[in-house]
Protein backbone atom coordinates (compact mmCIF):
# COMPACT_ATOMS: atom_id res chain seq x y z
CA MET A 1 -5.83 -31.65 14.71
CA THR A 2 -9.28 -30.06 14.64
CA ASN A 3 -12.44 -31.84 13.66
CA GLN A 4 -13.59 -29.91 10.59
CA SER A 5 -16.17 -32.52 9.64
CA ALA A 6 -18.48 -31.11 12.33
CA ASN A 7 -19.20 -28.09 10.08
CA THR A 8 -19.35 -29.99 6.79
CA GLY A 9 -22.74 -29.37 5.25
CA MET A 10 -23.71 -27.00 8.04
CA GLU A 11 -23.72 -23.29 7.37
CA THR A 12 -22.62 -21.10 10.26
CA ARG A 13 -24.72 -18.09 11.24
CA GLN A 14 -21.93 -15.85 9.89
CA GLN A 15 -21.89 -17.68 6.54
CA ASN A 16 -25.68 -17.46 6.35
CA PHE A 17 -25.47 -13.72 7.08
CA GLU A 18 -22.95 -13.21 4.26
CA ARG A 19 -25.00 -15.29 1.83
CA VAL A 20 -28.27 -13.44 2.57
CA LEU A 21 -26.56 -10.03 2.51
CA SER A 22 -25.14 -10.85 -0.94
CA ARG A 23 -28.61 -11.31 -2.44
CA GLU A 24 -29.84 -8.76 -4.97
CA PRO A 25 -32.37 -6.99 -2.73
CA PHE A 26 -29.64 -6.09 -0.24
CA LYS A 27 -26.91 -4.90 -2.63
CA GLY A 28 -27.32 -1.24 -1.63
CA LEU A 29 -27.06 -2.06 2.06
CA LYS A 30 -24.06 -4.33 1.39
CA ALA A 31 -22.29 -1.49 -0.46
CA ILE A 32 -22.75 0.77 2.55
CA PHE A 33 -21.51 -1.92 4.94
CA ASP A 34 -18.48 -2.61 2.73
CA SER A 35 -17.61 1.11 2.68
CA LEU A 36 -17.76 1.36 6.46
CA SER A 37 -14.98 -1.26 6.59
CA PRO A 38 -15.84 -2.91 9.88
CA GLY A 39 -14.69 -6.43 10.52
CA ARG A 40 -17.26 -8.88 9.22
CA GLN A 41 -17.80 -10.34 12.70
CA GLU A 42 -18.36 -6.83 14.09
CA LEU A 43 -20.87 -6.15 11.30
CA PHE A 44 -22.66 -9.47 11.92
CA GLU A 45 -22.92 -8.74 15.64
CA GLY A 46 -24.06 -5.17 14.94
CA VAL A 47 -26.88 -6.28 12.65
CA ASN A 48 -28.01 -8.85 15.20
CA GLY A 49 -27.67 -6.51 18.17
CA THR A 50 -29.40 -3.36 16.94
CA ASN A 51 -32.93 -2.39 15.98
CA SER A 52 -32.42 0.39 13.44
CA TYR A 53 -30.10 1.61 10.72
CA GLU A 54 -29.03 4.63 12.77
CA GLU A 55 -28.35 2.43 15.81
CA LEU A 56 -26.28 0.04 13.67
CA LEU A 57 -24.22 2.91 12.26
CA ALA A 58 -23.58 4.18 15.79
CA ARG A 59 -22.48 0.73 16.93
CA LEU A 60 -20.02 0.64 14.02
CA GLY A 61 -18.63 4.02 15.05
CA TYR A 62 -20.51 6.27 12.63
CA ARG A 63 -23.03 9.03 13.19
CA LEU A 64 -25.90 9.48 10.74
CA THR A 65 -26.41 13.03 9.50
CA LEU A 66 -29.39 13.96 7.37
CA THR A 67 -29.51 16.47 4.58
CA GLN A 68 -32.38 17.41 2.28
CA GLN A 69 -30.50 16.69 -0.94
CA ILE A 70 -27.27 15.08 -2.09
CA HIS A 71 -25.80 16.13 -5.43
CA VAL A 72 -24.00 12.93 -6.40
CA GLN A 73 -21.85 14.46 -9.16
CA ASP A 74 -20.72 17.23 -6.82
CA ALA A 75 -20.01 14.70 -4.08
CA TYR A 76 -17.65 12.78 -6.39
CA THR A 77 -15.56 15.95 -6.76
CA ARG A 78 -15.13 16.04 -2.98
CA VAL A 79 -13.84 12.48 -2.50
CA GLY A 80 -10.55 12.41 -0.60
CA LEU A 81 -8.99 14.20 2.33
CA ALA A 82 -9.47 17.66 0.85
CA GLY A 83 -13.18 17.10 0.28
CA SER A 84 -13.79 14.97 3.36
CA ILE A 85 -15.79 12.26 1.57
CA LYS A 86 -14.53 8.69 1.78
CA ALA A 87 -17.14 7.09 -0.51
CA VAL A 88 -20.09 8.15 -2.65
CA LEU A 89 -22.73 5.42 -2.86
CA PRO A 90 -25.37 6.32 -5.42
CA TYR A 91 -28.26 3.88 -5.19
CA TYR A 92 -31.28 3.86 -7.44
CA ASP A 93 -34.25 1.76 -6.39
CA ILE A 94 -36.03 0.73 -9.58
CA PRO A 95 -39.37 -0.36 -8.05
CA THR A 96 -39.88 3.02 -6.38
CA GLN A 97 -37.90 4.96 -9.02
CA SER A 98 -36.03 6.68 -6.22
CA SER A 99 -32.50 7.97 -6.02
CA LEU A 100 -31.17 7.10 -2.55
CA PRO A 101 -27.54 8.24 -2.32
CA THR A 102 -25.36 7.87 0.75
CA LEU A 103 -22.04 9.51 1.55
CA VAL A 104 -19.48 7.92 3.87
CA ASN A 105 -17.37 10.75 5.24
CA ILE A 106 -13.81 10.75 6.54
CA ASP A 107 -14.99 12.21 9.87
CA SER A 108 -16.93 9.00 10.71
CA THR A 109 -20.31 10.30 9.65
CA VAL A 110 -22.70 8.90 7.09
CA THR A 111 -24.74 11.49 5.22
CA ALA A 112 -28.10 10.54 3.76
CA THR A 113 -31.40 12.12 2.87
CA PRO A 114 -34.34 11.34 5.15
CA LYS A 115 -35.80 9.22 2.32
CA SER A 116 -32.63 7.15 1.87
CA ALA A 117 -32.16 6.70 5.63
CA SER A 118 -35.74 5.46 5.89
CA PHE A 119 -35.25 3.15 2.90
CA PHE A 120 -32.09 1.59 4.32
CA ASN A 121 -33.72 1.28 7.74
CA ALA A 122 -36.51 -0.76 6.08
CA MET A 123 -33.93 -2.75 4.13
CA LEU A 124 -32.08 -3.57 7.36
CA ALA A 125 -35.38 -4.73 8.91
CA ALA A 126 -36.01 -6.97 5.89
CA LEU A 127 -32.48 -8.39 6.19
CA LYS A 128 -33.03 -9.14 9.87
CA THR A 129 -36.37 -10.79 9.05
CA GLN A 130 -34.78 -13.04 6.43
CA LEU A 131 -31.95 -13.96 8.79
CA GLY A 132 -34.42 -14.76 11.57
CA ALA A 133 -36.61 -16.88 9.27
CA GLN A 134 -33.65 -19.07 8.45
CA HIS A 135 -32.97 -20.09 12.04
């Protein structure tokens, strides 16, 4: 029989990661992570073991490709094997009034605009800062 009382009242680093990632400021980043479908432990280790959004994607088996513009409505028409898009993640940042869409493609690439890649890189840095401040 295991001693489960040792963790009672104590949040594990993984649980803390999930709780912080679920906060409102990180919902766009969480949507991307959920679409990449890595194991949660793999994602946790990737966030802790990388220094940038592009590096994290690479660790999770994806390559970041940049494009000048993403037409979200058009991208929805290309979801599925025939269109090669696995997920369309439209994200609108209200404070900056910016549209920051991301496409997760079937060929293990993530397509973003330079602006959205930069935004999610900064969001990842903020996530890492919050996680570090809690320990």
